[in-house]
């Protein structure tokens, strides 16, 4: 796997035993907004604090898709992997 492109906000994390690229693209952000029922992205920080397991899986799938990874991998992630991946992806685009 090529090194992540920090200019794009890409990160590589381990999910389901393999390195996976995550990226918060515009498309990923739109999927996250829709999945979480947000009116706009400014509501995301407050909503992230109250994610259900289903929400976390949807967010992770969108981030995987943004990184050109199969989004269905999200269903195989452990809770610690998913939480760490989300934190890494959000930190990368800060």
Protein backbone atom coordinates (compact mmCIF):
# COMPACT_ATOMS: atom_id res chain seq x y z
CA UNK A 1 0.00 0.00 0.00
CA UNK A 2 1.41 3.42 -0.92
CA UNK A 3 2.01 5.87 1.91
CA UNK A 4 -1.00 8.01 2.85
CA UNK A 5 -1.24 11.49 1.37
CA UNK A 6 -1.48 13.87 4.35
CA UNK A 7 -2.44 16.74 2.02
CA UNK A 8 -5.67 14.85 1.32
CA UNK A 9 -6.17 13.98 4.99
CA UNK A 10 -5.50 10.29 4.40
CA UNK A 11 -4.50 7.94 7.20
CA UNK A 12 -3.70 4.25 7.22
CA UNK A 13 -5.06 2.21 10.13
CA UNK A 14 -5.38 -1.49 10.83
CA UNK A 15 -8.89 -2.85 10.49
CA UNK A 16 -9.72 -6.56 10.47
CA UNK A 17 -6.02 -7.40 10.54
CA UNK A 18 -4.96 -5.42 7.49
CA UNK A 19 -3.85 -1.84 6.76
CA UNK A 20 -6.71 0.26 5.39
CA UNK A 21 -6.67 3.79 4.01
CA UNK A 22 -9.28 6.24 5.37
CA UNK A 23 -10.08 9.68 4.03
CA UNK A 24 -12.76 12.22 4.85
CA UNK A 25 -13.65 13.24 1.32
CA UNK A 26 -16.61 15.43 0.39
CA UNK A 27 -18.48 12.29 -0.63
CA UNK A 28 -17.66 10.61 2.67
CA UNK A 29 -18.83 13.69 4.56
CA UNK A 30 -22.11 13.69 2.63
CA UNK A 31 -22.64 10.00 3.46
CA UNK A 32 -21.90 10.65 7.12
CA UNK A 33 -24.32 13.59 7.25
CA UNK A 34 -27.07 11.46 5.69
CA UNK A 35 -26.41 8.44 7.92
CA UNK A 36 -26.44 10.56 11.09
CA UNK A 37 -29.39 12.74 10.05
CA UNK A 38 -27.39 15.98 10.14
CA UNK A 39 -28.48 19.19 8.45
CA UNK A 40 -24.88 20.26 7.86
CA UNK A 41 -21.34 19.28 8.78
CA UNK A 42 -21.11 21.77 11.66
CA UNK A 43 -23.31 19.41 13.71
CA UNK A 44 -20.81 16.55 13.34
CA UNK A 45 -18.65 17.19 16.45
CA UNK A 46 -21.62 17.08 18.83
CA UNK A 47 -23.12 14.05 17.09
CA UNK A 48 -19.84 12.09 17.15
CA UNK A 49 -20.01 12.15 20.95
CA UNK A 50 -23.20 10.05 20.94
CA UNK A 51 -22.59 7.46 18.21
CA UNK A 52 -24.32 4.11 18.41
CA UNK A 53 -22.59 0.99 17.10
CA UNK A 54 -24.63 1.29 13.91
CA UNK A 55 -23.64 4.95 13.53
CA UNK A 56 -19.96 4.12 14.06
CA UNK A 57 -20.14 1.40 11.42
CA UNK A 58 -21.74 3.83 8.92
CA UNK A 59 -19.13 6.51 9.60
CA UNK A 60 -16.29 4.02 9.26
CA UNK A 61 -17.75 2.68 5.99
CA UNK A 62 -17.87 6.22 4.58
CA UNK A 63 -14.25 6.88 5.62
CA UNK A 64 -13.12 3.59 4.07
CA UNK A 65 -14.96 4.44 0.86
CA UNK A 66 -13.30 7.87 0.87
CA UNK A 67 -9.95 6.09 1.04
CA UNK A 68 -10.87 3.81 -1.89
CA UNK A 69 -11.27 0.81 0.40
CA UNK A 70 -14.27 -1.55 0.38
CA UNK A 71 -16.81 -0.01 2.79
CA UNK A 72 -18.09 -3.44 3.83
CA UNK A 73 -14.82 -3.91 5.79
CA UNK A 74 -16.40 -1.67 8.45
CA UNK A 75 -18.63 -4.55 9.53
CA UNK A 76 -15.54 -6.63 10.39
CA UNK A 77 -13.89 -3.97 12.58
CA UNK A 78 -13.68 -4.37 16.33
CA UNK A 79 -15.03 -1.54 18.47
CA UNK A 80 -11.51 -0.40 19.48
CA UNK A 81 -10.36 -0.51 15.83
CA UNK A 82 -13.37 1.51 14.70
CA UNK A 83 -13.02 4.11 17.46
CA UNK A 84 -9.27 4.50 16.87
CA UNK A 85 -9.79 4.71 13.10
CA UNK A 86 -12.41 7.43 13.48
CA UNK A 87 -10.15 9.43 15.82
CA UNK A 88 -7.20 9.10 13.43
CA UNK A 89 -9.26 10.12 10.40
CA UNK A 90 -10.70 13.18 12.14
CA UNK A 91 -7.27 14.21 13.45
CA UNK A 92 -5.83 13.94 9.94
CA UNK A 93 -8.23 16.50 8.55
CA UNK A 94 -7.90 18.98 11.41
